[in-house]
Structure formats: structure tokens, C-alpha cells
Protein backbone atom coordinates (compact mmCIF):
# COMPACT_ATOMS: atom_id res chain seq x y z
CA MET A 1 -47.70 -73.06 34.49
CA SER A 2 -49.43 -69.99 35.86
CA LEU A 3 -47.03 -67.32 37.06
CA ARG A 4 -47.64 -65.00 39.97
CA ARG A 5 -48.30 -61.55 38.52
CA LEU A 6 -46.94 -59.32 41.30
CA ILE A 7 -44.18 -59.67 43.86
CA THR A 8 -43.63 -57.38 46.83
CA PRO A 9 -40.09 -56.35 47.78
CA ARG A 10 -39.08 -56.55 51.41
CA PHE A 11 -35.69 -55.11 52.32
CA VAL A 12 -34.05 -57.16 55.08
CA GLN A 13 -30.64 -57.63 56.64
CA PHE A 14 -30.99 -61.41 56.72
CA VAL A 15 -33.11 -63.58 54.46
CA PRO A 16 -35.52 -65.53 56.70
CA GLU A 17 -35.40 -69.33 56.90
CA ILE A 18 -38.99 -69.60 55.68
CA LEU A 19 -39.83 -67.51 52.64
CA GLU A 20 -43.37 -66.21 52.19
CA GLU A 21 -45.04 -66.58 48.80
CA GLY A 22 -45.11 -63.35 46.82
CA ILE A 23 -42.32 -61.63 48.76
CA LEU A 24 -38.97 -60.70 47.20
CA TYR A 25 -36.45 -60.54 50.06
CA VAL A 26 -33.63 -58.12 49.33
CA SER A 27 -30.50 -58.05 51.50
CA ILE A 28 -28.25 -55.26 50.29
CA GLU A 29 -25.76 -55.98 53.07
CA TYR A 30 -25.30 -59.57 51.86
CA ALA A 31 -25.89 -58.80 48.16
CA THR A 32 -28.61 -61.43 47.94
CA VAL A 33 -32.20 -61.58 46.73
CA ALA A 34 -34.45 -64.55 47.54
CA HIS A 35 -38.04 -65.55 46.82
CA ARG A 36 -40.23 -68.57 46.23
CA CYS A 37 -40.42 -69.55 42.58
CA CYS A 38 -43.07 -67.46 40.87
CA CYS A 39 -44.58 -70.49 39.11
CA GLY A 40 -46.03 -71.67 42.43
CA CYS A 41 -43.88 -74.80 42.80
CA GLY A 42 -42.58 -73.50 46.14
CA GLN A 43 -38.85 -73.87 45.40
CA GLU A 44 -36.58 -71.24 46.94
CA VAL A 45 -34.83 -69.04 44.39
CA VAL A 46 -31.65 -67.20 45.42
CA THR A 47 -30.12 -64.62 43.12
CA PRO A 48 -26.73 -63.23 44.15
CA LEU A 49 -26.18 -59.56 43.35
CA SER A 50 -22.86 -58.76 41.68
CA PRO A 51 -21.45 -57.31 38.47
CA THR A 52 -21.38 -60.86 37.03
CA ASP A 53 -24.68 -62.18 38.38
CA TRP A 54 -27.90 -60.21 38.91
CA THR A 55 -28.42 -56.50 39.39
CA ILE A 56 -31.34 -54.89 41.14
CA THR A 57 -32.95 -51.54 40.52
CA PHE A 58 -35.09 -49.88 43.17
CA ASN A 59 -36.89 -46.71 42.08
CA GLY A 60 -38.31 -45.84 45.50
CA GLU A 61 -41.47 -47.89 44.94
CA SER A 62 -40.67 -51.01 42.96
CA VAL A 63 -37.79 -53.31 42.13
CA SER A 64 -36.52 -54.94 38.96
CA LEU A 65 -33.99 -57.76 38.63
CA TYR A 66 -31.73 -58.18 35.63
CA PRO A 67 -31.26 -60.55 33.87
CA SER A 68 -34.27 -62.87 33.81
CA ILE A 69 -34.58 -65.74 36.26
CA GLY A 70 -34.21 -69.17 34.70
CA ASN A 71 -34.85 -72.01 37.14
CA TRP A 72 -33.31 -74.66 34.90
CA SER A 73 -32.44 -77.05 37.73
CA PHE A 74 -36.00 -77.08 39.11
CA GLY A 75 -38.64 -79.51 37.92
CA CYS A 76 -40.76 -76.57 36.76
CA ARG A 77 -37.95 -75.06 34.61
CA SER A 78 -39.71 -71.71 34.98
CA HIS A 79 -38.24 -68.64 33.31
CA TYR A 80 -39.47 -65.12 34.10
CA TRP A 81 -38.63 -61.47 34.50
CA ILE A 82 -39.21 -59.33 37.57
CA GLU A 83 -39.71 -55.74 36.45
CA ASN A 84 -41.29 -53.02 38.59
CA ASN A 85 -42.68 -55.66 40.99
CA ARG A 86 -44.39 -57.42 38.07
CA VAL A 87 -43.60 -60.96 37.04
CA SER A 88 -43.80 -61.81 33.36
CA ALA A 89 -43.10 -65.06 31.58
CA ALA A 90 -39.98 -65.40 29.49
CA GLY A 91 -39.62 -67.99 26.78
CA GLU A 92 -38.80 -71.59 27.52
CA TRP A 93 -35.23 -72.66 26.82
CA SER A 94 -34.05 -75.97 25.42
CA ASP A 95 -31.25 -77.88 27.17
CA GLU A 96 -28.90 -76.63 24.44
CA GLU A 97 -29.88 -73.01 25.10
CA VAL A 98 -29.37 -73.50 28.84
CA ASP A 99 -25.91 -74.99 28.23
CA ALA A 100 -25.00 -72.13 25.90
CA GLY A 101 -26.22 -69.59 28.47
CA ARG A 102 -24.15 -71.19 31.21
CA LYS A 103 -21.05 -71.18 28.99
CA TRP A 104 -21.65 -67.52 28.16
CA ASP A 105 -22.00 -66.66 31.87
CA LYS A 106 -18.77 -68.51 32.65
CA LEU A 107 -16.94 -66.66 29.87
CA GLN A 108 -18.26 -63.27 31.00
CA LYS A 109 -17.23 -63.99 34.61
CA ALA A 110 -13.73 -65.00 33.50
CA ARG A 111 -13.41 -61.81 31.42
CA TYR A 112 -14.63 -59.67 34.29
CA PHE A 113 -12.31 -61.14 36.90
CA GLN A 114 -9.34 -61.16 34.52
CA GLY A 115 -10.05 -57.48 33.86
CA ARG A 116 -10.19 -56.78 37.61
CA ALA A 117 -6.87 -58.51 38.15
CA GLU A 118 -5.28 -56.55 35.30
CA ALA A 119 -6.74 -53.27 36.60
CA GLU A 120 -5.36 -53.91 40.09
CA GLU A 121 -1.97 -54.89 38.70
CA LYS A 122 -1.88 -51.78 36.49
CA ASP A 123 -2.78 -49.52 39.41
CA GLY A 124 -0.24 -51.03 41.80
CA GLY A 125 -2.74 -53.14 43.70
CA GLU A 126 -5.34 -50.39 44.16
CA LYS A 127 -8.90 -51.24 43.28
CA ASN A 128 -9.68 -49.00 40.32
CA TYR A 129 -12.03 -50.76 37.91
CA GLU A 130 -12.67 -47.93 35.47
CA SER A 131 -10.31 -49.49 32.93
CA LEU A 132 -12.03 -52.88 32.81
CA ASP A 133 -12.37 -54.36 29.36
CA VAL A 134 -15.74 -56.05 29.78
CA ASP A 135 -18.44 -56.03 27.15
CA ARG A 136 -21.16 -54.25 29.16
CA ASN A 137 -23.47 -54.37 26.13
CA ALA A 138 -23.23 -58.13 25.77
CA PRO A 139 -26.49 -60.01 26.14
CA LYS A 140 -27.10 -61.37 29.61
CA TRP A 141 -28.64 -64.78 30.03
């Protein structure tokens, strides 16, 4: 597998129906990032932006997505990072590692949303998330 080396961010309101190779479509309004798989297989990759999914950093020139992108359900099973518009390979994962990562994600989501519910209850229904008990230093898969 030969990964694309660079990807160009394009900020849009709506992600187009047909995605161009080498373009990272970023819709802040819909908290979604989409691109064609960087391995060249052509599959569409959609990464939702949220505290429990992916985060994006834009420094005025380039973008980075965190955590890495693991396309475990694609035939290519590609795994890569997008940092400062550069694509770099990440290690391959076994089926056991993928399962463990999915379980970890599910646990982190449950903790986050439980913490949100507790914070709202504590604050009389107001959305104040400063008191969330979520392990922000936990590894992200």
C-alpha cells in the first residue's frame, strides 16, 4: 500500500456527493470531515467531529486530525495519521487490536455521556461541562 503524502483541506458547508482525491473536506457547521481513503482504494472516509470521536486542528495553513484514521471495515484496512496536511502510515492492527480499540471507544463514549448527564443534573439542567470526570489523557484509538 502506497499512501498519499499530502492532503489539501477544503472548508465547505456541505460535503459534496463526489469527493476528489487528495482533498480533505471539512464542514464545521455539520461537524464532519470527509475524504477518499489515502491508500488510493477510493473508499469514502467520514470522520465525525466531537469530543468522543475526532478533533481537528487548523493553524491557519494546515489541518491535523486526531486520533489516527483506521479503516478497519475497508478491504485495504489502511491506518494513517493526518498531521499538518501530511499523511503518514500508522502501524497495522490485528483483529484483536481493532476489537480492543472499539471496546475502548465505547467505554470512553459511555463515560463522557454519563459525565454530561451528571453535570447537567448537578447544575439543574444547565449545560456546564467543566465538572466532567473524563480521562482526557487516556489513549485514543
